[in-house]
Amino acid sequence: MRVVVAEDLALLREGLVALLRENGIEVAAQVDDGPSLLSALASHQPDMAIVDVRLPPTFTDEGLRAAIEARRRQPTLGVLVLSQYVETTYASELIGDNTAGVGYLLKERIGDVRAFLDALKTVADGGTVLDREVITQLLGPHKGSKDALTDLTVREREVLKLIAEGRSNAAIAESLVVTAGAVEKHITNIFAKLDLPAGEDDHRRVLAVLAYLRIAR
């Protein structure tokens, strides 16, 4: 896997690059602003971009905008966006209508190396990963919006949160200390309650995670 890293904080950027290289991931370039990111992506054609939401000069959403533009230019590019805080609007804008190969995580998740690398692999393989805190906020009550997830049980919501983190059925079963069969049953119920038509399960998993996100916009 070849990646480009866009992060303005030199210490965090160097630490992230070292972590990736220690785990056999090639870092094709490291940059500290949006224009440099787009230039590096065009030059190196990596598999993945790891991008800080807030980059110079205004430190608002330059990284996010660059990531969205990068996906417009190269739809197959995997993009994992890192943020200091939970900002569900940014997650919504990043994902848009293209759910393949995108992720949105809080920077603190980098400290859990195994989970971070798993998330990176999920995104690189075309999956979608949303930070558990984003999902917690999305699953909470939203005034003025119809809650599409009202009918889900507590356990089904727990399963949905873990799906959002990119967990496999086996990993969900291990986390909740239940059988794989029980997880499959919960996921089937989630699909039915969210009125997701039969199709590829991977695609329906993403649609289930995004259901509330679409309503909360």
Protein backbone atom coordinates (compact mmCIF):
# COMPACT_ATOMS: atom_id res chain seq x y z
CA MET A 1 0.00 0.00 0.00
CA ARG A 2 1.31 3.47 -0.94
CA VAL A 3 0.00 6.54 0.86
CA VAL A 4 0.35 10.31 0.91
CA VAL A 5 0.07 12.02 4.30
CA ALA A 6 -1.24 15.59 4.68
CA GLU A 7 -0.78 17.01 8.19
CA ASP A 8 0.48 20.47 9.17
CA LEU A 9 1.76 19.54 12.63
CA ALA A 10 5.29 18.33 11.95
CA LEU A 11 5.57 16.18 15.08
CA LEU A 12 2.30 14.35 14.41
CA ARG A 13 3.12 14.01 10.72
CA GLU A 14 6.54 12.51 11.39
CA GLY A 15 5.11 10.17 14.00
CA LEU A 16 2.38 9.00 11.65
CA VAL A 17 4.85 8.46 8.83
CA ALA A 18 7.13 6.44 11.14
CA LEU A 19 4.18 4.33 12.30
CA LEU A 20 3.14 3.56 8.73
CA ARG A 21 6.65 2.65 7.62
CA GLU A 22 7.18 0.42 10.65
CA ASN A 23 4.13 -1.54 9.52
CA GLY A 24 5.23 -2.03 5.94
CA ILE A 25 3.25 0.83 4.40
CA GLU A 26 5.09 2.95 1.84
CA VAL A 27 4.76 6.71 2.34
CA ALA A 28 5.12 8.23 -1.12
CA ALA A 29 4.99 11.83 0.14
CA GLN A 30 4.18 13.94 3.18
CA VAL A 31 2.78 17.46 2.84
CA ASP A 32 1.34 20.20 5.05
CA ASP A 33 -1.34 21.96 2.96
CA GLY A 34 -4.17 21.27 0.51
CA PRO A 35 -2.53 22.37 -2.76
CA SER A 36 0.56 20.32 -1.96
CA LEU A 37 -1.67 17.33 -1.28
CA LEU A 38 -3.33 17.54 -4.69
CA SER A 39 0.06 17.96 -6.35
CA ALA A 40 1.52 14.96 -4.51
CA LEU A 41 -1.48 12.80 -5.37
CA ALA A 42 -1.17 13.69 -9.06
CA SER A 43 2.58 12.99 -9.04
CA HIS A 44 2.64 9.76 -7.02
CA GLN A 45 -0.77 8.18 -7.74
CA PRO A 46 -0.94 6.47 -4.30
CA ASP A 47 -3.55 4.00 -3.09
CA MET A 48 -4.49 6.11 -0.08
CA ALA A 49 -4.45 9.66 1.24
CA ILE A 50 -4.42 10.34 4.99
CA VAL A 51 -5.59 13.91 5.46
CA ASP A 52 -6.04 16.32 8.36
CA VAL A 53 -9.39 18.15 8.05
CA ARG A 54 -7.84 21.52 8.96
CA LEU A 55 -4.82 22.66 6.98
CA PRO A 56 -3.18 26.07 6.31
CA PRO A 57 -3.81 28.87 5.70
CA THR A 58 -7.17 29.25 7.50
CA PHE A 59 -7.19 25.94 9.41
CA THR A 60 -10.90 25.44 8.78
CA ASP A 61 -11.65 22.78 6.19
CA GLU A 62 -8.87 23.02 3.59
CA GLY A 63 -7.88 19.39 4.10
CA LEU A 64 -11.45 18.22 3.69
CA ARG A 65 -11.91 20.27 0.52
CA ALA A 66 -8.67 18.91 -0.90
CA ALA A 67 -9.76 15.35 -0.07
CA ILE A 68 -13.12 15.85 -1.79
CA GLU A 69 -11.41 17.30 -4.85
CA ALA A 70 -8.91 14.43 -4.86
CA ARG A 71 -11.77 11.92 -4.91
CA ARG A 72 -13.42 13.83 -7.73
CA ARG A 73 -10.23 13.57 -9.77
CA GLN A 74 -9.46 9.99 -8.75
CA PRO A 75 -12.67 8.19 -7.64
CA THR A 76 -10.80 5.00 -6.71
CA LEU A 77 -8.49 6.81 -4.28
CA GLY A 78 -8.95 5.74 -0.68
CA VAL A 79 -9.21 8.72 1.69
CA LEU A 80 -8.92 8.59 5.46
CA VAL A 81 -9.62 11.98 7.04
CA LEU A 82 -8.38 12.76 10.55
CA SER A 83 -10.03 15.34 12.79
CA GLN A 84 -9.35 16.75 16.25
CA TYR A 85 -13.07 16.95 17.03
CA VAL A 86 -16.27 15.21 15.95
CA GLU A 87 -17.77 17.20 13.08
CA THR A 88 -20.58 15.18 11.50
CA THR A 89 -21.08 17.70 8.69
CA TYR A 90 -17.53 17.05 7.51
CA ALA A 91 -18.12 13.30 7.56
CA SER A 92 -21.27 13.79 5.51
CA GLU A 93 -19.55 16.01 2.95
CA LEU A 94 -16.62 13.65 2.57
CA ILE A 95 -18.76 10.59 1.95
CA GLY A 96 -21.28 12.27 -0.33
CA ASP A 97 -22.75 9.78 -2.77
CA ASN A 98 -19.58 7.71 -3.11
CA THR A 99 -19.35 5.38 -0.13
CA ALA A 100 -16.39 3.31 -1.33
CA GLY A 101 -12.98 3.81 0.23
CA VAL A 102 -13.58 6.61 2.72
CA GLY A 103 -12.92 7.00 6.42
CA TYR A 104 -13.34 9.68 9.10
CA LEU A 105 -11.53 9.21 12.41
CA LEU A 106 -10.55 11.29 15.40
CA LYS A 107 -6.79 11.80 15.65
CA GLU A 108 -6.71 10.15 19.06
CA ARG A 109 -7.48 6.81 17.38
CA ILE A 110 -3.96 6.72 15.97
CA GLY A 111 -2.84 5.75 19.48
CA ASP A 112 -4.65 2.42 19.09
CA VAL A 113 -2.24 1.19 16.44
CA ARG A 114 -4.00 -2.06 15.62
CA ALA A 115 -7.41 -0.43 15.24
CA PHE A 116 -5.94 2.42 13.21
CA LEU A 117 -4.17 0.06 10.81
CA ASP A 118 -7.33 -2.05 10.52
CA ALA A 119 -9.30 1.08 9.61
CA LEU A 120 -6.67 2.05 7.04
CA LYS A 121 -6.84 -1.41 5.45
CA THR A 122 -10.65 -1.31 5.41
CA VAL A 123 -10.63 2.00 3.56
CA ALA A 124 -7.89 0.84 1.18
CA ASP A 125 -10.00 -2.23 0.36
CA GLY A 126 -12.95 -0.02 -0.58
CA GLY A 127 -14.79 -0.05 2.74
CA THR A 128 -16.12 2.82 4.84
CA VAL A 129 -15.03 3.63 8.40
CA LEU A 130 -16.61 6.25 10.65
CA ASP A 131 -15.30 7.07 14.10
CA ARG A 132 -17.33 5.59 16.93
CA GLU A 133 -17.90 9.07 18.38
CA VAL A 134 -19.38 10.25 15.09
CA ILE A 135 -21.77 7.31 15.13
CA THR A 136 -22.65 7.90 18.79
CA GLN A 137 -23.71 11.45 17.92
CA LEU A 138 -25.55 10.34 14.82
CA LEU A 139 -27.47 7.69 16.74
CA GLY A 140 -28.56 10.21 19.34
CA PRO A 141 -31.84 12.15 19.12
CA HIS A 142 -32.04 14.78 16.40
CA LYS A 143 -34.66 17.48 16.80
CA GLY A 144 -36.54 18.29 13.66
CA SER A 145 -35.54 15.06 11.92
CA LYS A 146 -37.28 11.75 11.66
CA ASP A 147 -35.13 9.18 13.41
CA ALA A 148 -34.77 6.34 10.89
CA LEU A 149 -33.22 4.13 13.55
CA THR A 150 -35.96 4.33 16.17
CA ASP A 151 -36.95 0.71 15.72
CA LEU A 152 -33.48 -0.67 16.34
CA THR A 153 -32.90 -2.43 19.64
CA VAL A 154 -30.04 -1.46 21.94
CA ARG A 155 -28.03 -4.46 20.75
CA GLU A 156 -28.70 -3.66 17.09
CA ARG A 157 -27.42 -0.13 17.67
CA GLU A 158 -24.28 -1.55 19.25
CA VAL A 159 -23.77 -3.76 16.21
CA LEU A 160 -24.32 -0.80 13.89
CA LYS A 161 -21.71 1.26 15.74
CA LEU A 162 -19.18 -1.55 15.31
CA ILE A 163 -20.04 -1.90 11.63
CA ALA A 164 -19.35 1.82 11.30
CA GLU A 165 -15.86 1.25 12.72
CA GLY A 166 -15.20 -1.19 9.89
CA ARG A 167 -15.39 -4.30 12.08
CA SER A 168 -15.99 -7.70 10.49
CA ASN A 169 -18.74 -9.98 11.77
CA ALA A 170 -16.13 -12.04 13.63
CA ALA A 171 -14.68 -8.94 15.29
CA ILE A 172 -18.16 -7.74 16.27
CA ALA A 173 -18.93 -11.13 17.80
CA GLU A 174 -15.69 -11.00 19.79
CA SER A 175 -16.33 -7.45 20.99
CA LEU A 176 -19.90 -8.17 22.13
CA VAL A 177 -19.12 -11.69 23.37
CA VAL A 178 -21.79 -13.29 21.23
CA THR A 179 -21.78 -15.89 18.46
CA ALA A 180 -21.18 -15.08 14.82
CA GLY A 181 -24.69 -16.38 14.13
CA ALA A 182 -26.16 -13.86 16.56
CA VAL A 183 -24.29 -11.04 14.82
CA GLU A 184 -25.60 -12.17 11.43
CA LYS A 185 -29.13 -12.18 12.83
CA HIS A 186 -28.76 -8.66 14.22
CA ILE A 187 -27.38 -7.39 10.90
CA THR A 188 -30.25 -9.00 9.00
CA ASN A 189 -32.69 -7.25 11.35
CA ILE A 190 -30.91 -3.92 10.84
CA PHE A 191 -31.16 -4.28 7.05
CA ALA A 192 -34.87 -5.10 7.33
CA LYS A 193 -35.72 -2.27 9.72
CA LEU A 194 -33.85 0.27 7.60
CA ASP A 195 -35.64 -1.07 4.50
CA LEU A 196 -32.40 -1.85 2.68
CA PRO A 197 -33.06 -4.04 -0.38
CA ALA A 198 -31.31 -7.34 -0.91
CA GLY A 199 -27.90 -7.03 -2.54
CA GLU A 200 -24.24 -7.21 -1.68
CA ASP A 201 -23.91 -7.28 2.11
CA ASP A 202 -20.83 -5.04 2.08
CA HIS A 203 -22.78 -2.33 0.27
CA ARG A 204 -25.77 -2.69 2.59
CA ARG A 205 -23.49 -2.39 5.62
CA VAL A 206 -22.36 1.00 4.35
CA LEU A 207 -25.93 2.07 3.59
CA ALA A 208 -26.98 1.10 7.10
CA VAL A 209 -24.24 3.24 8.63
CA LEU A 210 -25.13 6.17 6.37
CA ALA A 211 -28.90 6.00 6.88
CA TYR A 212 -28.91 8.32 9.86
CA LEU A 213 -26.19 10.49 8.40
CA ARG A 214 -28.36 11.23 5.37
CA ILE A 215 -31.31 12.27 7.56
CA ALA A 216 -29.17 14.35 9.91
CA ARG A 217 -27.86 16.60 7.15
